[in-house]
Amino acid sequence: MLPFEWITRAADRISTHIVRTPLLFDKDLNIYLKFENKQVTGSFKIRGAINKVLSLEPWEREQGLVTASAGNHGQGVALSGKIVGAPVFVFASDHAVQTKVDAMRDFGAEIRFVDGGYGLAEQTAIKFASENNLTFVSPYNDGQIIAGQGTIGLEITDEITIDPDFTWVVPVGGGGLISGIGSVIQHHKISPRLIGVQPEASAFTFSLFHNGNQLNVPDLPTLADGLSGQIQDNSITIPIMKKIIDDIITVTENEIEYGIAYSWFKYHEIIEGSAATALAAVITGKISAPSVVIISGGNIQPEVHAQICQKYAGKL
């Protein structure tokens, strides 16, 4: 578990660079929804990225920042680099979502594409940083990243009292978000269930949690691109997740689509596939209400969102 003081310090450090996102209660479903699609850059990832970058020594920033990203973390690091005046290199899969790539460039990042999935992009980025004496900013394998993501938990517990009957439902990829939120929950000495949700098409963290390894896991295309790909074997999120998470489950691509459409027709909120995993797990009955659902971001290609919503028009 991450020291709670790291998370409170992160909240102070990043407060002028982020927004406090809305927490909505849906009385029909008996769930709370934390809409991080309303966050700066359209995703929770800016929280960890700016906390990490602001915690670096000046010389660590000046030599340049390197990361790997499907898009949201890369935007966070790129914006953070722009704020502190540091150059940023982002290594991304060659099939990264174009709108996210464009957004990273708009914030000033130099994009380096890598043939293959996220895992190879991360390995390449780490090697590049080491060989060129640059500072690697992990999307999840870093205490300051986790602390920044944990500020979401602080905001929620500022507004509602932790109720052990409410299951907290969090999208999970590398585990930074759920590790940070789980650390906040653990600090309050109350034990609601904490469930991670991952796409069935790329369930590396699911396999690691349930089987103890990431062997022979398919890495297929998924709407939840931000949660896909293998995570580092030495990631500090692994022991944290094993300690604080009650379960990790998966959802299908059809269920993710349903979550995206449901969010639009029910709440008029545009959310991306990664965020829709958590909502989908609840509205399909895989996780029972009452729940606290983390909507992690809203960076989805407009044409993809339109197609999904058209498919479900009149059905929700």
C-alpha atoms as a PDB file:
ATOM      1  CA  MET A   1       0.000   0.000   0.000  1.00  0.00           C
ATOM      2  CA  LEU A   2       1.254   3.481  -0.856  1.00  0.00           C
ATOM      3  CA  PRO A   3       1.848   5.862   2.096  1.00  0.00           C
ATOM      4  CA  PHE A   4      -1.243   8.026   2.466  1.00  0.00           C
ATOM      5  CA  GLU A   5       0.951  11.097   2.947  1.00  0.00           C
ATOM      6  CA  TRP A   6       2.262  10.696  -0.603  1.00  0.00           C
ATOM      7  CA  ILE A   7      -1.280  11.034  -1.907  1.00  0.00           C
ATOM      8  CA  THR A   8      -2.138  14.110   0.178  1.00  0.00           C
ATOM      9  CA  ARG A   9       1.109  15.759  -0.913  1.00  0.00           C
ATOM     10  CA  ALA A  10       0.287  14.906  -4.516  1.00  0.00           C
ATOM     11  CA  ALA A  11      -3.111  16.578  -4.116  1.00  0.00           C
ATOM     12  CA  ASP A  12      -1.427  19.786  -2.962  1.00  0.00           C
ATOM     13  CA  ARG A  13       1.224  19.599  -5.673  1.00  0.00           C
ATOM     14  CA  ILE A  14      -1.139  19.149  -8.617  1.00  0.00           C
ATOM     15  CA  SER A  15      -4.130  21.204  -7.455  1.00  0.00           C
ATOM     16  CA  THR A  16      -3.481  24.178  -9.748  1.00  0.00           C
ATOM     17  CA  HIS A  17      -2.997  21.980 -12.808  1.00  0.00           C
ATOM     18  CA  ILE A  18      -6.106  19.744 -12.681  1.00  0.00           C
ATOM     19  CA  VAL A  19      -9.847  20.143 -12.139  1.00  0.00           C
ATOM     20  CA  ARG A  20     -12.015  18.528  -9.502  1.00  0.00           C
ATOM     21  CA  THR A  21     -14.233  16.246 -11.567  1.00  0.00           C
ATOM     22  CA  PRO A  22     -17.930  15.659 -10.860  1.00  0.00           C
ATOM     23  CA  LEU A  23     -19.252  12.789  -8.772  1.00  0.00           C
ATOM     24  CA  LEU A  24     -22.770  11.847  -9.872  1.00  0.00           C
ATOM     25  CA  PHE A  25     -25.209   9.624  -8.003  1.00  0.00           C
ATOM     26  CA  ASP A  26     -27.537   7.554 -10.172  1.00  0.00           C
ATOM     27  CA  LYS A  27     -30.420   6.674  -7.869  1.00  0.00           C
ATOM     28  CA  ASP A  28     -31.932   4.291 -10.427  1.00  0.00           C
ATOM     29  CA  LEU A  29     -28.849   2.078 -10.401  1.00  0.00           C
ATOM     30  CA  ASN A  30     -27.692   3.022  -6.883  1.00  0.00           C
ATOM     31  CA  ILE A  31     -24.201   3.870  -8.094  1.00  0.00           C
ATOM     32  CA  TYR A  32     -21.843   6.818  -7.879  1.00  0.00           C
ATOM     33  CA  LEU A  33     -19.913   7.742 -11.021  1.00  0.00           C
ATOM     34  CA  LYS A  34     -16.674   9.739 -10.962  1.00  0.00           C
ATOM     35  CA  PHE A  35     -16.392  11.389 -14.386  1.00  0.00           C
ATOM     36  CA  GLU A  36     -12.682  11.774 -15.152  1.00  0.00           C
ATOM     37  CA  ASN A  37     -13.606  12.313 -18.797  1.00  0.00           C
ATOM     38  CA  LYS A  38     -14.110  15.896 -17.568  1.00  0.00           C
ATOM     39  CA  GLN A  39     -10.478  16.092 -16.481  1.00  0.00           C
ATOM     40  CA  VAL A  40      -7.741  18.152 -18.146  1.00  0.00           C
ATOM     41  CA  THR A  41      -6.604  16.161 -21.242  1.00  0.00           C
ATOM     42  CA  GLY A  42      -9.847  14.159 -20.959  1.00  0.00           C
ATOM     43  CA  SER A  43      -8.381  11.508 -18.677  1.00  0.00           C
ATOM     44  CA  PHE A  44      -7.265  10.821 -15.104  1.00  0.00           C
ATOM     45  CA  LYS A  45      -3.726  10.237 -16.378  1.00  0.00           C
ATOM     46  CA  ILE A  46      -2.736  13.895 -16.034  1.00  0.00           C
ATOM     47  CA  ARG A  47      -2.928  13.499 -12.243  1.00  0.00           C
ATOM     48  CA  GLY A  48      -0.075  11.016 -12.027  1.00  0.00           C
ATOM     49  CA  ALA A  49       1.945  12.527 -14.850  1.00  0.00           C
ATOM     50  CA  ILE A  50       2.015  16.073 -13.496  1.00  0.00           C
ATOM     51  CA  ASN A  51       2.694  14.829  -9.951  1.00  0.00           C
ATOM     52  CA  LYS A  52       5.673  12.817 -11.163  1.00  0.00           C
ATOM     53  CA  VAL A  53       7.096  15.568 -13.346  1.00  0.00           C
ATOM     54  CA  LEU A  54       6.727  18.246 -10.656  1.00  0.00           C
ATOM     55  CA  SER A  55       8.441  15.954  -8.143  1.00  0.00           C
ATOM     56  CA  LEU A  56      11.533  15.547 -10.361  1.00  0.00           C
ATOM     57  CA  GLU A  57      14.739  17.469  -9.816  1.00  0.00           C
ATOM     58  CA  PRO A  58      15.243  20.295 -12.338  1.00  0.00           C
ATOM     59  CA  TRP A  59      18.093  18.419 -14.020  1.00  0.00           C
ATOM     60  CA  GLU A  60      15.889  15.334 -14.452  1.00  0.00           C
ATOM     61  CA  ARG A  61      13.329  17.413 -16.327  1.00  0.00           C
ATOM     62  CA  GLU A  62      15.859  19.345 -18.378  1.00  0.00           C
ATOM     63  CA  GLN A  63      17.513  16.246 -19.826  1.00  0.00           C
ATOM     64  CA  GLY A  64      14.169  15.277 -21.364  1.00  0.00           C
ATOM     65  CA  LEU A  65      11.221  13.024 -20.551  1.00  0.00           C
ATOM     66  CA  VAL A  66      10.424   9.683 -22.183  1.00  0.00           C
ATOM     67  CA  THR A  67       7.340   7.544 -21.836  1.00  0.00           C
ATOM     68  CA  ALA A  68       5.271   4.858 -23.518  1.00  0.00           C
ATOM     69  CA  SER A  69       1.568   5.332 -23.939  1.00  0.00           C
ATOM     70  CA  ALA A  70      -1.586   4.344 -25.759  1.00  0.00           C
ATOM     71  CA  GLY A  71      -2.400   8.052 -25.634  1.00  0.00           C
ATOM     72  CA  ASN A  72      -3.772   9.294 -22.328  1.00  0.00           C
ATOM     73  CA  HIS A  73      -0.613   9.018 -20.237  1.00  0.00           C
ATOM     74  CA  GLY A  74       1.346  10.433 -23.156  1.00  0.00           C
ATOM     75  CA  GLN A  75      -0.918  13.480 -23.209  1.00  0.00           C
ATOM     76  CA  GLY A  76      -0.388  13.906 -19.484  1.00  0.00           C
ATOM     77  CA  VAL A  77       3.387  13.743 -19.780  1.00  0.00           C
ATOM     78  CA  ALA A  78       3.396  15.987 -22.851  1.00  0.00           C
ATOM     79  CA  LEU A  79       1.344  18.655 -21.084  1.00  0.00           C
ATOM     80  CA  SER A  80       3.491  18.320 -17.968  1.00  0.00           C
ATOM     81  CA  GLY A  81       6.616  18.750 -20.081  1.00  0.00           C
ATOM     82  CA  LYS A  82       5.108  21.837 -21.648  1.00  0.00           C
ATOM     83  CA  ILE A  83       4.381  23.286 -18.198  1.00  0.00           C
ATOM     84  CA  VAL A  84       7.954  22.804 -16.945  1.00  0.00           C
ATOM     85  CA  GLY A  85       9.659  23.422 -20.281  1.00  0.00           C
ATOM     86  CA  ALA A  86      10.968  19.886 -20.805  1.00  0.00           C
ATOM     87  CA  PRO A  87      11.151  18.010 -24.133  1.00  0.00           C
ATOM     88  CA  VAL A  88       8.984  14.896 -24.287  1.00  0.00           C
ATOM     89  CA  PHE A  89       9.319  11.713 -26.341  1.00  0.00           C
ATOM     90  CA  VAL A  90       6.384   9.296 -26.441  1.00  0.00           C
ATOM     91  CA  PHE A  91       6.717   5.755 -27.762  1.00  0.00           C
ATOM     92  CA  ALA A  92       3.404   4.429 -29.030  1.00  0.00           C
ATOM     93  CA  SER A  93       2.128   1.355 -30.807  1.00  0.00           C
ATOM     94  CA  ASP A  94       1.807   1.748 -34.555  1.00  0.00           C
ATOM     95  CA  HIS A  95      -1.946   1.139 -34.160  1.00  0.00           C
ATOM     96  CA  ALA A  96      -2.488   3.783 -31.487  1.00  0.00           C
ATOM     97  CA  VAL A  97      -5.752   5.754 -31.705  1.00  0.00           C
ATOM     98  CA  GLN A  98      -5.158   8.686 -34.045  1.00  0.00           C
ATOM     99  CA  THR A  99      -7.042  11.267 -31.977  1.00  0.00           C
ATOM    100  CA  LYS A 100      -4.829  10.464 -28.992  1.00  0.00           C
ATOM    101  CA  VAL A 101      -1.688  10.655 -31.115  1.00  0.00           C
ATOM    102  CA  ASP A 102      -2.768  14.048 -32.461  1.00  0.00           C
ATOM    103  CA  ALA A 103      -3.456  15.287 -28.940  1.00  0.00           C
ATOM    104  CA  MET A 104       0.013  14.233 -27.737  1.00  0.00           C
ATOM    105  CA  ARG A 105       1.572  16.112 -30.645  1.00  0.00           C
ATOM    106  CA  ASP A 106      -0.578  19.158 -29.932  1.00  0.00           C
ATOM    107  CA  PHE A 107       0.934  19.295 -26.438  1.00  0.00           C
ATOM    108  CA  GLY A 108       4.417  19.260 -27.970  1.00  0.00           C
ATOM    109  CA  ALA A 109       5.485  15.622 -27.694  1.00  0.00           C
ATOM    110  CA  GLU A 110       7.622  13.909 -30.320  1.00  0.00           C
ATOM    111  CA  ILE A 111       5.963  10.580 -31.186  1.00  0.00           C
ATOM    112  CA  ARG A 112       8.017   7.485 -31.964  1.00  0.00           C
ATOM    113  CA  PHE A 113       5.950   4.608 -33.343  1.00  0.00           C
ATOM    114  CA  VAL A 114       6.805   0.982 -32.578  1.00  0.00           C
ATOM    115  CA  ASP A 115       5.530  -1.977 -34.576  1.00  0.00           C
ATOM    116  CA  GLY A 116       3.434  -4.143 -32.271  1.00  0.00           C
ATOM    117  CA  GLY A 117       1.502  -3.642 -29.085  1.00  0.00           C
ATOM    118  CA  TYR A 118       1.945  -1.520 -25.993  1.00  0.00           C
ATOM    119  CA  GLY A 119       4.365  -3.905 -24.260  1.00  0.00           C
ATOM    120  CA  LEU A 120       6.985  -3.553 -26.983  1.00  0.00           C
ATOM    121  CA  ALA A 121       6.532   0.219 -27.064  1.00  0.00           C
ATOM    122  CA  GLU A 122       7.230   0.350 -23.323  1.00  0.00           C
ATOM    123  CA  GLN A 123      10.351  -1.808 -23.612  1.00  0.00           C
ATOM    124  CA  THR A 124      11.628   0.381 -26.453  1.00  0.00           C
ATOM    125  CA  ALA A 125      10.971   3.567 -24.497  1.00  0.00           C
ATOM    126  CA  ILE A 126      12.835   2.312 -21.422  1.00  0.00           C
ATOM    127  CA  LYS A 127      15.822   1.313 -23.551  1.00  0.00           C
ATOM    128  CA  PHE A 128      15.809   4.668 -25.379  1.00  0.00           C
ATOM    129  CA  ALA A 129      15.738   6.595 -22.099  1.00  0.00           C
ATOM    130  CA  SER A 130      18.610   4.565 -20.673  1.00  0.00           C
ATOM    131  CA  GLU A 131      20.806   4.827 -23.755  1.00  0.00           C
ATOM    132  CA  ASN A 132      20.271   8.580 -24.089  1.00  0.00           C
ATOM    133  CA  ASN A 133      20.400   9.551 -20.399  1.00  0.00           C
ATOM    134  CA  LEU A 134      16.779  10.718 -20.388  1.00  0.00           C
ATOM    135  CA  THR A 135      14.140  10.438 -17.640  1.00  0.00           C
ATOM    136  CA  PHE A 136      11.617   7.659 -18.124  1.00  0.00           C
ATOM    137  CA  VAL A 137       8.125   8.418 -16.786  1.00  0.00           C
ATOM    138  CA  SER A 138       6.276   5.136 -16.316  1.00  0.00           C
ATOM    139  CA  PRO A 139       2.504   5.100 -16.784  1.00  0.00           C
ATOM    140  CA  TYR A 140       2.090   2.994 -13.612  1.00  0.00           C
ATOM    141  CA  ASN A 141       5.356   1.622 -12.165  1.00  0.00           C
ATOM    142  CA  ASP A 142       6.199   4.624 -10.011  1.00  0.00           C
ATOM    143  CA  GLY A 143       5.124   5.748  -6.548  1.00  0.00           C
ATOM    144  CA  GLN A 144       4.558   9.358  -7.579  1.00  0.00           C
ATOM    145  CA  ILE A 145       2.408   8.268 -10.528  1.00  0.00           C
ATOM    146  CA  ILE A 146       0.306   6.095  -8.216  1.00  0.00           C
ATOM    147  CA  ALA A 147       0.041   8.916  -5.673  1.00  0.00           C
ATOM    148  CA  GLY A 148      -1.261  11.290  -8.323  1.00  0.00           C
ATOM    149  CA  GLN A 149      -3.894   8.813  -9.451  1.00  0.00           C
ATOM    150  CA  GLY A 150      -4.875   8.259  -5.834  1.00  0.00           C
ATOM    151  CA  THR A 151      -6.067  11.854  -5.579  1.00  0.00           C
ATOM    152  CA  ILE A 152      -9.259  10.651  -7.272  1.00  0.00           C
ATOM    153  CA  GLY A 153      -9.932   8.638  -4.138  1.00  0.00           C
ATOM    154  CA  LEU A 154      -9.350  11.719  -1.980  1.00  0.00           C
ATOM    155  CA  GLU A 155     -11.906  13.697  -3.958  1.00  0.00           C
ATOM    156  CA  ILE A 156     -14.501  10.949  -3.661  1.00  0.00           C
ATOM    157  CA  THR A 157     -14.010  10.473   0.082  1.00  0.00           C
ATOM    158  CA  ASP A 158     -14.259  14.239   0.550  1.00  0.00           C
ATOM    159  CA  GLU A 159     -17.793  14.076  -0.851  1.00  0.00           C
ATOM    160  CA  ILE A 160     -19.138  10.767   0.424  1.00  0.00           C
ATOM    161  CA  THR A 161     -18.540   8.583   3.451  1.00  0.00           C
ATOM    162  CA  ILE A 162     -16.981   5.241   2.633  1.00  0.00           C
ATOM    163  CA  ASP A 163     -19.708   2.636   2.932  1.00  0.00           C
ATOM    164  CA  PRO A 164     -18.576  -1.001   3.189  1.00  0.00           C
ATOM    165  CA  ASP A 165     -21.693  -2.022   1.255  1.00  0.00           C
ATOM    166  CA  PHE A 166     -20.512  -0.124  -1.856  1.00  0.00           C
ATOM    167  CA  THR A 167     -18.174  -1.964  -4.248  1.00  0.00           C
ATOM    168  CA  TRP A 168     -15.545   0.292  -5.831  1.00  0.00           C
ATOM    169  CA  VAL A 169     -15.126  -0.534  -9.529  1.00  0.00           C
ATOM    170  CA  VAL A 170     -11.990   0.631 -11.329  1.00  0.00           C
ATOM    171  CA  PRO A 171     -10.617   0.058 -14.859  1.00  0.00           C
ATOM    172  CA  VAL A 172      -7.269  -1.709 -14.582  1.00  0.00           C
ATOM    173  CA  GLY A 173      -4.291  -1.922 -16.927  1.00  0.00           C
ATOM    174  CA  GLY A 174      -0.898  -1.449 -15.305  1.00  0.00           C
ATOM    175  CA  GLY A 175      -2.568  -0.912 -11.951  1.00  0.00           C
ATOM    176  CA  GLY A 176      -1.575   2.662 -11.107  1.00  0.00           C
ATOM    177  CA  LEU A 177      -5.124   3.947 -10.770  1.00  0.00           C
ATOM    178  CA  ILE A 178      -6.510   1.107  -8.696  1.00  0.00           C
ATOM    179  CA  SER A 179      -3.388   1.034  -6.496  1.00  0.00           C
ATOM    180  CA  GLY A 180      -3.767   4.729  -5.709  1.00  0.00           C
ATOM    181  CA  ILE A 181      -7.500   4.562  -5.045  1.00  0.00           C
ATOM    182  CA  GLY A 182      -7.084   1.372  -3.030  1.00  0.00           C
ATOM    183  CA  SER A 183      -4.457   3.042  -0.853  1.00  0.00           C
ATOM    184  CA  VAL A 184      -6.954   5.790   0.000  1.00  0.00           C
ATOM    185  CA  ILE A 185      -9.629   3.230   0.867  1.00  0.00           C
ATOM    186  CA  GLN A 186      -7.230   1.232   3.035  1.00  0.00           C
ATOM    187  CA  HIS A 187      -6.234   4.373   4.948  1.00  0.00           C
ATOM    188  CA  HIS A 188      -9.821   4.811   6.125  1.00  0.00           C
ATOM    189  CA  LYS A 189      -9.770   1.389   7.827  1.00  0.00           C
ATOM    190  CA  ILE A 190     -13.056   0.465   6.173  1.00  0.00           C
ATOM    191  CA  SER A 191     -13.162  -2.398   3.715  1.00  0.00           C
ATOM    192  CA  PRO A 192     -15.527  -2.036   0.778  1.00  0.00           C
ATOM    193  CA  ARG A 193     -14.829  -4.468  -2.035  1.00  0.00           C
ATOM    194  CA  LEU A 194     -12.373  -3.183  -4.647  1.00  0.00           C
ATOM    195  CA  ILE A 195     -12.750  -4.719  -8.107  1.00  0.00           C
ATOM    196  CA  GLY A 196     -10.623  -4.118 -11.187  1.00  0.00           C
ATOM    197  CA  VAL A 197     -12.062  -4.514 -14.679  1.00  0.00           C
ATOM    198  CA  GLN A 198     -10.057  -5.304 -17.804  1.00  0.00           C
ATOM    199  CA  PRO A 199     -10.951  -6.097 -21.426  1.00  0.00           C
ATOM    200  CA  GLU A 200     -11.177  -9.793 -22.163  1.00  0.00           C
ATOM    201  CA  ALA A 201      -9.249  -9.145 -25.393  1.00  0.00           C
ATOM    202  CA  SER A 202      -6.063  -8.137 -23.540  1.00  0.00           C
ATOM    203  CA  ALA A 203      -6.337  -9.483 -19.999  1.00  0.00           C
ATOM    204  CA  PHE A 204      -2.722  -9.443 -18.840  1.00  0.00           C
ATOM    205  CA  THR A 205      -3.360  -8.023 -15.371  1.00  0.00           C
ATOM    206  CA  PHE A 206      -6.320 -10.375 -14.951  1.00  0.00           C
ATOM    207  CA  SER A 207      -4.006 -13.317 -15.665  1.00  0.00           C
ATOM    208  CA  LEU A 208      -1.303 -11.968 -13.374  1.00  0.00           C
ATOM    209  CA  PHE A 209      -3.800 -11.571 -10.529  1.00  0.00           C
ATOM    210  CA  HIS A 210      -5.470 -14.956 -10.939  1.00  0.00           C
ATOM    211  CA  ASN A 211      -2.668 -17.119 -12.362  1.00  0.00           C
ATOM    212  CA  GLY A 212       0.460 -15.379 -11.107  1.00  0.00           C
ATOM    213  CA  ASN A 213       1.854 -14.838 -14.601  1.00  0.00           C
ATOM    214  CA  GLN A 214       1.201 -13.221 -17.982  1.00  0.00           C
ATOM    215  CA  LEU A 215       1.980 -16.256 -20.112  1.00  0.00           C
ATOM    216  CA  ASN A 216       0.031 -17.047 -23.275  1.00  0.00           C
ATOM    217  CA  VAL A 217      -2.341 -14.110 -22.879  1.00  0.00           C
ATOM    218  CA  PRO A 218      -3.846 -12.922 -26.193  1.00  0.00           C
ATOM    219  CA  ASP A 219      -3.199  -9.275 -26.982  1.00  0.00           C
ATOM    220  CA  LEU A 220      -6.045  -8.544 -29.363  1.00  0.00           C
ATOM    221  CA  PRO A 221      -7.364  -5.185 -30.545  1.00  0.00           C
ATOM    222  CA  THR A 222      -9.748  -3.648 -28.027  1.00  0.00           C
ATOM    223  CA  LEU A 223     -11.825  -0.517 -27.566  1.00  0.00           C
ATOM    224  CA  ALA A 224     -10.178  -0.329 -24.156  1.00  0.00           C
ATOM    225  CA  ASP A 225      -6.764   0.376 -25.671  1.00  0.00           C
ATOM    226  CA  GLY A 226      -5.555   2.194 -22.547  1.00  0.00           C
ATOM    227  CA  LEU A 227      -5.831  -1.031 -20.529  1.00  0.00           C
ATOM    228  CA  SER A 228      -4.152  -3.368 -23.002  1.00  0.00           C
ATOM    229  CA  GLY A 229      -0.699  -4.884 -23.068  1.00  0.00           C
ATOM    230  CA  GLN A 230       1.654  -6.675 -20.720  1.00  0.00           C
ATOM    231  CA  ILE A 231       2.895  -4.891 -17.610  1.00  0.00           C
ATOM    232  CA  GLN A 232       6.443  -4.896 -16.251  1.00  0.00           C
ATOM    233  CA  ASP A 233       7.215  -7.976 -14.160  1.00  0.00           C
ATOM    234  CA  ASN A 234       8.862  -5.804 -11.485  1.00  0.00           C
ATOM    235  CA  SER A 235       6.062  -3.241 -11.300  1.00  0.00           C
ATOM    236  CA  ILE A 236       5.414  -1.960  -7.787  1.00  0.00           C
ATOM    237  CA  THR A 237       1.710  -2.102  -8.577  1.00  0.00           C
ATOM    238  CA  ILE A 238       1.757  -5.909  -8.539  1.00  0.00           C
ATOM    239  CA  PRO A 239       2.261  -6.434  -4.779  1.00  0.00           C
ATOM    240  CA  ILE A 240      -0.046  -3.478  -4.035  1.00  0.00           C
ATOM    241  CA  MET A 241      -2.820  -4.955  -6.157  1.00  0.00           C
ATOM    242  CA  LYS A 242      -2.413  -8.382  -4.591  1.00  0.00           C
ATOM    243  CA  LYS A 243      -2.803  -6.820  -1.160  1.00  0.00           C
ATOM    244  CA  ILE A 244      -5.729  -4.460  -1.717  1.00  0.00           C
ATOM    245  CA  ILE A 245      -7.815  -5.803  -4.633  1.00  0.00           C
ATOM    246  CA  ASP A 246     -10.584  -8.295  -4.013  1.00  0.00           C
ATOM    247  CA  ASP A 247     -10.906  -9.383  -7.621  1.00  0.00           C
ATOM    248  CA  ILE A 248     -10.205  -8.534 -11.247  1.00  0.00           C
ATOM    249  CA  ILE A 249     -12.836  -9.428 -13.829  1.00  0.00           C
ATOM    250  CA  THR A 250     -13.094  -9.005 -17.594  1.00  0.00           C
ATOM    251  CA  VAL A 251     -15.680  -7.632 -20.000  1.00  0.00           C
ATOM    252  CA  THR A 252     -16.162  -8.353 -23.683  1.00  0.00           C
ATOM    253  CA  GLU A 253     -15.951  -5.886 -26.551  1.00  0.00           C
ATOM    254  CA  ASN A 254     -19.741  -5.970 -26.935  1.00  0.00           C
ATOM    255  CA  GLU A 255     -20.118  -5.126 -23.260  1.00  0.00           C
ATOM    256  CA  ILE A 256     -17.651  -2.256 -23.611  1.00  0.00           C
ATOM    257  CA  GLU A 257     -19.665  -0.924 -26.545  1.00  0.00           C
ATOM    258  CA  TYR A 258     -22.791  -1.154 -24.431  1.00  0.00           C
ATOM    259  CA  GLY A 259     -21.117   0.834 -21.665  1.00  0.00           C
ATOM    260  CA  ILE A 260     -20.101   3.580 -24.097  1.00  0.00           C
ATOM    261  CA  ALA A 261     -23.618   3.843 -25.501  1.00  0.00           C
ATOM    262  CA  TYR A 262     -25.246   3.662 -22.064  1.00  0.00           C
ATOM    263  CA  SER A 263     -23.132   6.555 -20.807  1.00  0.00           C
ATOM    264  CA  TRP A 264     -24.200   8.691 -23.745  1.00  0.00           C
ATOM    265  CA  PHE A 265     -27.914   7.945 -23.704  1.00  0.00           C
ATOM    266  CA  LYS A 266     -28.265   7.876 -19.903  1.00  0.00           C
ATOM    267  CA  TYR A 267     -25.823  10.610 -18.770  1.00  0.00           C
ATOM    268  CA  HIS A 268     -25.005  12.457 -22.017  1.00  0.00           C
ATOM    269  CA  GLU A 269     -21.339  11.768 -21.326  1.00  0.00           C
ATOM    270  CA  ILE A 270     -18.796  10.727 -23.952  1.00  0.00           C
ATOM    271  CA  ILE A 271     -16.523   8.068 -22.495  1.00  0.00           C
ATOM    272  CA  GLU A 272     -13.812   5.936 -24.035  1.00  0.00           C
ATOM    273  CA  GLY A 273     -13.565   2.167 -24.065  1.00  0.00           C
ATOM    274  CA  SER A 274     -11.228   1.925 -21.087  1.00  0.00           C
ATOM    275  CA  ALA A 275     -13.658   3.913 -18.936  1.00  0.00           C
ATOM    276  CA  ALA A 276     -16.617   1.908 -20.201  1.00  0.00           C
ATOM    277  CA  THR A 277     -15.186  -1.337 -18.805  1.00  0.00           C
ATOM    278  CA  ALA A 278     -16.078  -0.350 -15.243  1.00  0.00           C
ATOM    279  CA  LEU A 279     -19.546   0.886 -16.144  1.00  0.00           C
ATOM    280  CA  ALA A 280     -20.184  -2.180 -18.299  1.00  0.00           C
ATOM    281  CA  ALA A 281     -19.332  -4.494 -15.404  1.00  0.00           C
ATOM    282  CA  VAL A 282     -22.096  -2.909 -13.324  1.00  0.00           C
ATOM    283  CA  ILE A 283     -24.848  -2.439 -15.901  1.00  0.00           C
ATOM    284  CA  THR A 284     -24.450  -6.002 -17.194  1.00  0.00           C
ATOM    285  CA  GLY A 285     -24.776  -7.383 -13.673  1.00  0.00           C
ATOM    286  CA  LYS A 286     -21.238  -8.753 -13.375  1.00  0.00           C
ATOM    287  CA  ILE A 287     -20.808  -6.513 -10.332  1.00  0.00           C
ATOM    288  CA  SER A 288     -23.806  -5.773  -8.138  1.00  0.00           C
ATOM    289  CA  ALA A 289     -24.850  -2.347  -6.938  1.00  0.00           C
ATOM    290  CA  PRO A 290     -24.399  -0.356  -4.802  1.00  0.00           C
ATOM    291  CA  SER A 291     -21.130   0.706  -6.404  1.00  0.00           C
ATOM    292  CA  VAL A 292     -18.679   3.539  -6.901  1.00  0.00           C
ATOM    293  CA  VAL A 293     -17.650   3.497 -10.561  1.00  0.00           C
ATOM    294  CA  ILE A 294     -14.564   5.260 -11.879  1.00  0.00           C
ATOM    295  CA  ILE A 295     -15.097   6.669 -15.383  1.00  0.00           C
ATOM    296  CA  SER A 296     -11.437   7.060 -16.264  1.00  0.00           C
ATOM    297  CA  GLY A 297     -11.522   9.074 -19.500  1.00  0.00           C
ATOM    298  CA  GLY A 298     -13.335  10.246 -22.598  1.00  0.00           C
ATOM    299  CA  ASN A 299     -10.789  10.234 -25.416  1.00  0.00           C
ATOM    300  CA  ILE A 300     -12.528   8.216 -28.087  1.00  0.00           C
ATOM    301  CA  GLN A 301     -12.461   8.801 -31.824  1.00  0.00           C
ATOM    302  CA  PRO A 302     -15.641  10.716 -32.724  1.00  0.00           C
ATOM    303  CA  GLU A 303     -16.546   8.427 -35.603  1.00  0.00           C
ATOM    304  CA  VAL A 304     -16.186   5.336 -33.390  1.00  0.00           C
ATOM    305  CA  HIS A 305     -18.392   6.879 -30.732  1.00  0.00           C
ATOM    306  CA  ALA A 306     -20.989   7.846 -33.331  1.00  0.00           C
ATOM    307  CA  GLN A 307     -21.067   4.345 -34.803  1.00  0.00           C
ATOM    308  CA  ILE A 308     -21.524   2.715 -31.411  1.00  0.00           C
ATOM    309  CA  CYS A 309     -24.292   5.111 -30.390  1.00  0.00           C
ATOM    310  CA  GLN A 310     -26.077   4.614 -33.699  1.00  0.00           C
ATOM    311  CA  LYS A 311     -25.985   0.867 -33.127  1.00  0.00           C
ATOM    312  CA  TYR A 312     -27.780   1.272 -29.789  1.00  0.00           C
ATOM    313  CA  ALA A 313     -30.082   4.145 -30.717  1.00  0.00           C
ATOM    314  CA  GLY A 314     -33.621   3.409 -29.571  1.00  0.00           C
ATOM    315  CA  LYS A 315     -32.474   0.407 -27.514  1.00  0.00           C
ATOM    316  CA  LEU A 316     -31.448   2.239 -24.356  1.00  0.00           C
END
